[in-house]
C-alpha atoms as a PDB file:
ATOM      1  CA  MET A   1    -166.774 120.721 -26.302  1.00  0.00           C
ATOM      2  CA  PRO A   2    -166.658 122.280 -29.709  1.00  0.00           C
ATOM      3  CA  ASP A   3    -163.661 121.708 -32.234  1.00  0.00           C
ATOM      4  CA  LEU A   4    -161.472 124.758 -32.410  1.00  0.00           C
ATOM      5  CA  TRP A   5    -160.090 125.621 -35.778  1.00  0.00           C
ATOM      6  CA  ARG A   6    -158.039 128.458 -36.991  1.00  0.00           C
ATOM      7  CA  THR A   7    -159.124 130.727 -40.303  1.00  0.00           C
ATOM      8  CA  ASP A   8    -158.282 133.862 -42.218  1.00  0.00           C
ATOM      9  CA  ASP A   9    -161.147 136.107 -41.685  1.00  0.00           C
ATOM     10  CA  THR A  10    -162.713 137.078 -44.540  1.00  0.00           C
ATOM     11  CA  GLY A  11    -166.251 138.535 -43.686  1.00  0.00           C
ATOM     12  CA  ASP A  12    -169.227 136.290 -44.126  1.00  0.00           C
ATOM     13  CA  GLU A  13    -167.604 134.076 -46.588  1.00  0.00           C
ATOM     14  CA  PHE A  14    -165.508 131.225 -46.089  1.00  0.00           C
ATOM     15  CA  SER A  15    -161.874 131.677 -46.355  1.00  0.00           C
ATOM     16  CA  PRO A  16    -160.254 129.346 -48.750  1.00  0.00           C
ATOM     17  CA  GLY A  17    -158.804 127.405 -46.129  1.00  0.00           C
ATOM     18  CA  LEU A  18    -162.037 126.909 -44.160  1.00  0.00           C
ATOM     19  CA  ALA A  19    -163.927 125.870 -47.324  1.00  0.00           C
ATOM     20  CA  GLY A  20    -161.034 123.675 -48.053  1.00  0.00           C
ATOM     21  CA  LEU A  21    -161.115 121.839 -44.859  1.00  0.00           C
ATOM     22  CA  LEU A  22    -165.046 121.436 -44.862  1.00  0.00           C
ATOM     23  CA  VAL A  23    -165.273 120.038 -48.065  1.00  0.00           C
ATOM     24  CA  ALA A  24    -162.048 117.775 -47.546  1.00  0.00           C
ATOM     25  CA  LEU A  25    -163.415 116.230 -44.225  1.00  0.00           C
ATOM     26  CA  TYR A  26    -167.103 115.923 -45.403  1.00  0.00           C
ATOM     27  CA  THR A  27    -166.993 114.916 -49.224  1.00  0.00           C
ATOM     28  CA  ARG A  28    -165.087 112.526 -51.700  1.00  0.00           C
ATOM     29  CA  PRO A  29    -164.426 112.925 -55.191  1.00  0.00           C
ATOM     30  CA  GLY A  30    -167.592 113.030 -57.427  1.00  0.00           C
ATOM     31  CA  ASP A  31    -169.873 113.995 -54.602  1.00  0.00           C
ATOM     32  CA  ILE A  32    -172.369 117.026 -55.231  1.00  0.00           C
ATOM     33  CA  VAL A  33    -171.808 120.196 -52.691  1.00  0.00           C
ATOM     34  CA  VAL A  34    -174.704 122.346 -52.372  1.00  0.00           C
ATOM     35  CA  ALA A  35    -174.503 126.138 -51.381  1.00  0.00           C
ATOM     36  CA  LEU A  36    -177.550 128.608 -50.164  1.00  0.00           C
ATOM     37  CA  GLY A  37    -175.661 131.445 -51.818  1.00  0.00           C
ATOM     38  CA  HIS A  38    -172.634 131.262 -53.981  1.00  0.00           C
ATOM     39  CA  ASP A  39    -169.608 131.203 -52.392  1.00  0.00           C
ATOM     40  CA  PRO A  40    -166.374 131.413 -54.217  1.00  0.00           C
ATOM     41  CA  ALA A  41    -164.000 129.946 -51.772  1.00  0.00           C
ATOM     42  CA  LEU A  42    -166.565 126.882 -51.209  1.00  0.00           C
ATOM     43  CA  ALA A  43    -166.903 126.581 -55.351  1.00  0.00           C
ATOM     44  CA  GLY A  44    -163.108 126.552 -55.510  1.00  0.00           C
ATOM     45  CA  ALA A  45    -162.745 123.965 -52.589  1.00  0.00           C
ATOM     46  CA  ALA A  46    -165.235 121.682 -54.401  1.00  0.00           C
ATOM     47  CA  GLY A  47    -163.632 122.124 -57.632  1.00  0.00           C
ATOM     48  CA  ALA A  48    -160.234 120.998 -55.992  1.00  0.00           C
ATOM     49  CA  GLN A  49    -161.670 117.865 -54.606  1.00  0.00           C
ATOM     50  CA  GLY A  50    -163.315 117.062 -57.980  1.00  0.00           C
ATOM     51  CA  CYS A  51    -166.716 117.628 -56.598  1.00  0.00           C
ATOM     52  CA  THR A  52    -169.827 119.150 -58.298  1.00  0.00           C
ATOM     53  CA  TYR A  53    -170.782 122.637 -56.977  1.00  0.00           C
ATOM     54  CA  LEU A  54    -174.566 123.470 -56.989  1.00  0.00           C
ATOM     55  CA  ALA A  55    -175.535 127.103 -55.417  1.00  0.00           C
ATOM     56  CA  VAL A  56    -179.209 128.353 -55.205  1.00  0.00           C
ATOM     57  CA  ASP A  57    -180.009 131.792 -53.766  1.00  0.00           C
ATOM     58  CA  ASP A  58    -183.206 131.032 -51.627  1.00  0.00           C
ATOM     59  CA  PRO A  59    -184.215 128.411 -49.533  1.00  0.00           C
ATOM     60  CA  ALA A  60    -187.641 127.736 -51.681  1.00  0.00           C
ATOM     61  CA  ASP A  61    -185.172 126.834 -54.636  1.00  0.00           C
ATOM     62  CA  LEU A  62    -183.657 123.829 -52.767  1.00  0.00           C
ATOM     63  CA  ALA A  63    -187.080 122.029 -53.828  1.00  0.00           C
ATOM     64  CA  ASP A  64    -185.383 122.760 -57.750  1.00  0.00           C
ATOM     65  CA  LEU A  65    -182.837 120.407 -57.091  1.00  0.00           C
ATOM     66  CA  ASP A  66    -185.109 117.307 -56.991  1.00  0.00           C
ATOM     67  CA  THR A  67    -183.029 115.881 -60.058  1.00  0.00           C
ATOM     68  CA  VAL A  68    -180.350 115.444 -57.440  1.00  0.00           C
ATOM     69  CA  ALA A  69    -182.509 114.416 -54.400  1.00  0.00           C
ATOM     70  CA  GLY A  70    -180.866 111.859 -52.315  1.00  0.00           C
ATOM     71  CA  THR A  71    -177.368 112.284 -53.872  1.00  0.00           C
ATOM     72  CA  VAL A  72    -176.054 115.401 -52.282  1.00  0.00           C
ATOM     73  CA  ARG A  73    -173.099 114.597 -49.795  1.00  0.00           C
ATOM     74  CA  LEU A  74    -172.662 118.480 -48.196  1.00  0.00           C
ATOM     75  CA  ILE A  75    -175.184 121.019 -47.812  1.00  0.00           C
ATOM     76  CA  VAL A  76    -173.868 124.677 -46.511  1.00  0.00           C
ATOM     77  CA  LEU A  77    -176.150 127.156 -45.132  1.00  0.00           C
ATOM     78  CA  PRO A  78    -174.494 130.619 -44.698  1.00  0.00           C
ATOM     79  CA  PRO A  79    -175.553 133.327 -41.633  1.00  0.00           C
ATOM     80  CA  ARG A  80    -177.673 135.188 -43.790  1.00  0.00           C
ATOM     81  CA  THR A  81    -179.862 132.272 -44.011  1.00  0.00           C
ATOM     82  CA  THR A  82    -180.196 131.386 -40.641  1.00  0.00           C
ATOM     83  CA  HIS A  83    -180.662 135.167 -39.489  1.00  0.00           C
ATOM     84  CA  ARG A  84    -183.789 134.886 -41.977  1.00  0.00           C
ATOM     85  CA  ILE A  85    -185.104 131.973 -40.147  1.00  0.00           C
ATOM     86  CA  ARG A  86    -184.061 132.743 -36.279  1.00  0.00           C
ATOM     87  CA  HIS A  87    -187.810 133.476 -35.102  1.00  0.00           C
ATOM     88  CA  ASP A  88    -189.551 130.886 -37.422  1.00  0.00           C
ATOM     89  CA  PRO A  89    -189.391 127.466 -36.231  1.00  0.00           C
ATOM     90  CA  ALA A  90    -191.703 126.208 -39.050  1.00  0.00           C
ATOM     91  CA  ALA A  91    -189.371 127.824 -41.586  1.00  0.00           C
ATOM     92  CA  ALA A  92    -186.272 126.016 -40.015  1.00  0.00           C
ATOM     93  CA  VAL A  93    -188.056 122.624 -39.904  1.00  0.00           C
ATOM     94  CA  ASP A  94    -188.811 123.229 -43.804  1.00  0.00           C
ATOM     95  CA  LEU A  95    -185.255 124.224 -44.658  1.00  0.00           C
ATOM     96  CA  PHE A  96    -183.898 121.366 -42.810  1.00  0.00           C
ATOM     97  CA  THR A  97    -186.663 119.085 -44.240  1.00  0.00           C
ATOM     98  CA  ALA A  98    -185.517 120.030 -47.864  1.00  0.00           C
ATOM     99  CA  CYS A  99    -181.842 119.724 -47.038  1.00  0.00           C
ATOM    100  CA  ARG A 100    -182.647 116.094 -45.439  1.00  0.00           C
ATOM    101  CA  THR A 101    -184.560 115.008 -48.690  1.00  0.00           C
ATOM    102  CA  LEU A 102    -181.619 116.123 -50.944  1.00  0.00           C
ATOM    103  CA  THR A 103    -178.568 114.324 -48.670  1.00  0.00           C
ATOM    104  CA  VAL A 104    -177.246 110.991 -49.046  1.00  0.00           C
ATOM    105  CA  PRO A 105    -177.537 108.759 -45.977  1.00  0.00           C
ATOM    106  CA  ALA A 106    -174.019 109.712 -44.502  1.00  0.00           C
ATOM    107  CA  GLY A 107    -174.428 113.437 -45.957  1.00  0.00           C
ATOM    108  CA  CYS A 108    -174.272 116.634 -43.641  1.00  0.00           C
ATOM    109  CA  THR A 109    -175.441 119.548 -43.567  1.00  0.00           C
ATOM    110  CA  ILE A 110    -173.420 122.331 -42.371  1.00  0.00           C
ATOM    111  CA  VAL A 111    -175.008 125.775 -40.603  1.00  0.00           C
ATOM    112  CA  ALA A 112    -172.673 128.987 -40.674  1.00  0.00           C
ATOM    113  CA  LEU A 113    -173.328 130.973 -37.865  1.00  0.00           C
ATOM    114  CA  ALA A 114    -171.767 134.528 -37.898  1.00  0.00           C
ATOM    115  CA  THR A 115    -171.839 136.786 -34.514  1.00  0.00           C
ATOM    116  CA  LEU A 116    -174.962 138.538 -34.375  1.00  0.00           C
ATOM    117  CA  PRO A 117    -175.278 141.992 -34.970  1.00  0.00           C
ATOM    118  CA  THR A 118    -175.742 142.707 -31.414  1.00  0.00           C
ATOM    119  CA  GLY A 119    -172.040 140.731 -30.735  1.00  0.00           C
ATOM    120  CA  ALA A 120    -174.133 138.006 -29.205  1.00  0.00           C
ATOM    121  CA  ALA A 121    -172.659 134.715 -30.234  1.00  0.00           C
ATOM    122  CA  ALA A 122    -175.367 133.357 -32.700  1.00  0.00           C
ATOM    123  CA  TYR A 123    -174.719 129.638 -31.620  1.00  0.00           C
ATOM    124  CA  ALA A 124    -175.943 130.287 -28.146  1.00  0.00           C
ATOM    125  CA  ASP A 125    -179.023 132.281 -29.588  1.00  0.00           C
ATOM    126  CA  LEU A 126    -179.681 129.877 -32.372  1.00  0.00           C
ATOM    127  CA  THR A 127    -179.051 126.636 -31.287  1.00  0.00           C
ATOM    128  CA  PRO A 128    -182.581 126.385 -29.074  1.00  0.00           C
ATOM    129  CA  LEU A 129    -184.221 126.932 -32.560  1.00  0.00           C
ATOM    130  CA  LEU A 130    -182.140 125.125 -34.844  1.00  0.00           C
ATOM    131  CA  ILE A 131    -181.518 121.727 -32.956  1.00  0.00           C
ATOM    132  CA  PRO A 132    -184.946 121.040 -32.224  1.00  0.00           C
ATOM    133  CA  ALA A 133    -186.185 121.804 -36.170  1.00  0.00           C
ATOM    134  CA  ALA A 134    -183.189 119.654 -37.514  1.00  0.00           C
ATOM    135  CA  ARG A 135    -183.822 116.711 -35.417  1.00  0.00           C
ATOM    136  CA  GLN A 136    -187.991 117.217 -36.328  1.00  0.00           C
ATOM    137  CA  ALA A 137    -186.763 117.225 -39.957  1.00  0.00           C
ATOM    138  CA  GLY A 138    -184.659 114.001 -39.509  1.00  0.00           C
ATOM    139  CA  LEU A 139    -181.255 115.456 -39.126  1.00  0.00           C
ATOM    140  CA  ASP A 140    -178.841 115.054 -36.019  1.00  0.00           C
ATOM    141  CA  TRP A 141    -176.550 117.302 -34.449  1.00  0.00           C
ATOM    142  CA  LEU A 142    -173.030 115.859 -35.089  1.00  0.00           C
ATOM    143  CA  ARG A 143    -170.584 118.501 -34.066  1.00  0.00           C
ATOM    144  CA  HIS A 144    -170.004 121.843 -33.565  1.00  0.00           C
ATOM    145  CA  ILE A 145    -166.730 123.556 -34.686  1.00  0.00           C
ATOM    146  CA  VAL A 146    -165.668 127.014 -33.861  1.00  0.00           C
ATOM    147  CA  ALA A 147    -163.419 128.862 -36.393  1.00  0.00           C
ATOM    148  CA  VAL A 148    -161.362 131.654 -35.007  1.00  0.00           C
ATOM    149  CA  THR A 149    -159.167 134.573 -36.321  1.00  0.00           C
ATOM    150  CA  THR A 150    -156.426 136.560 -35.119  1.00  0.00           C
ATOM    151  CA  PRO A 151    -157.419 140.290 -36.146  1.00  0.00           C
ATOM    152  CA  PRO A 152    -154.591 141.465 -38.426  1.00  0.00           C
ATOM    153  CA  GLY A 153    -151.928 143.603 -36.286  1.00  0.00           C
ATOM    154  CA  ASP A 154    -152.750 141.417 -33.068  1.00  0.00           C
ATOM    155  CA  GLU A 155    -150.436 138.214 -34.330  1.00  0.00           C
ATOM    156  CA  PRO A 156    -147.549 138.452 -31.929  1.00  0.00           C
ATOM    157  CA  THR A 157    -144.026 138.419 -33.878  1.00  0.00           C
ATOM    158  CA  ASP A 158    -142.225 136.561 -30.997  1.00  0.00           C
ATOM    159  CA  PRO A 159    -142.831 132.818 -31.370  1.00  0.00           C
ATOM    160  CA  ALA A 160    -142.455 132.465 -27.316  1.00  0.00           C
ATOM    161  CA  ILE A 161    -145.809 134.559 -27.072  1.00  0.00           C
ATOM    162  CA  LYS A 162    -147.664 133.539 -30.319  1.00  0.00           C
ATOM    163  CA  SER A 163    -150.088 131.360 -27.626  1.00  0.00           C
ATOM    164  CA  GLU A 164    -151.161 135.117 -26.081  1.00  0.00           C
ATOM    165  CA  ALA A 165    -152.050 136.454 -29.330  1.00  0.00           C
ATOM    166  CA  ARG A 166    -156.101 137.800 -29.005  1.00  0.00           C
ATOM    167  CA  VAL A 167    -159.032 135.605 -31.072  1.00  0.00           C
ATOM    168  CA  ARG A 168    -162.316 136.337 -31.822  1.00  0.00           C
ATOM    169  CA  ILE A 169    -164.896 133.827 -32.993  1.00  0.00           C
ATOM    170  CA  HIS A 170    -164.930 134.175 -36.986  1.00  0.00           C
ATOM    171  CA  ILE A 171    -167.830 131.564 -37.398  1.00  0.00           C
ATOM    172  CA  ASP A 172    -169.459 129.050 -35.309  1.00  0.00           C
ATOM    173  CA  LEU A 173    -170.178 125.951 -37.736  1.00  0.00           C
ATOM    174  CA  LEU A 174    -173.146 123.572 -36.730  1.00  0.00           C
ATOM    175  CA  VAL A 175    -172.517 120.189 -38.405  1.00  0.00           C
ATOM    176  CA  LEU A 176    -175.791 118.158 -38.823  1.00  0.00           C
ATOM    177  CA  THR A 177    -176.319 114.577 -40.374  1.00  0.00           C
ATOM    178  CA  VAL A 178    -178.974 112.378 -41.682  1.00  0.00           C
ATOM    179  CA  GLY A 179    -180.499 111.079 -38.297  1.00  0.00           C
ATOM    180  CA  THR A 180    -180.241 107.307 -37.771  1.00  0.00           C
ATOM    181  CA  ARG A 181    -183.220 106.957 -35.830  1.00  0.00           C
ATOM    182  CA  ASP A 182    -186.863 106.917 -36.936  1.00  0.00           C
ATOM    183  CA  HIS A 183    -188.185 110.413 -37.687  1.00  0.00           C
ATOM    184  CA  GLY A 184    -191.901 109.251 -38.409  1.00  0.00           C
END
């Protein structure tokens, strides 16, 4: 069963609240946070937590972070990254292997999955590729977080019916951690 988090709707970027929750939950002051593509909310949350924030533009650029290999606590992969690898299992394994190389033993890689252009749920569509690729690279599934939002104007003003507000999935987060089993 996924965890359900409420967030503000900000398109493909993280809201400050969601970024703050992720950084607070998965890092400690002094840790390194890496993002694939610059995300202002994530950068702000990392700074507020006392973490170093690094952003790279392309999955291949993760290899250029060899000076921090084995010291990164959190890596965040945005929807645009997962949509690029959705039909390429080898690229997914390569991406997750790079994440595994950078991450400390207790570190996490968070894969953000936005709703697909067809309106289909990205989580259901992409996890058959992502979970096996992550496992092959040495990462294990930790949790699934569903961040939801209430579209503007749909929030009821009567507190007695707030629970009846329409919500929609804003983003699915697949949280992966460095595996504890042998991935030889």
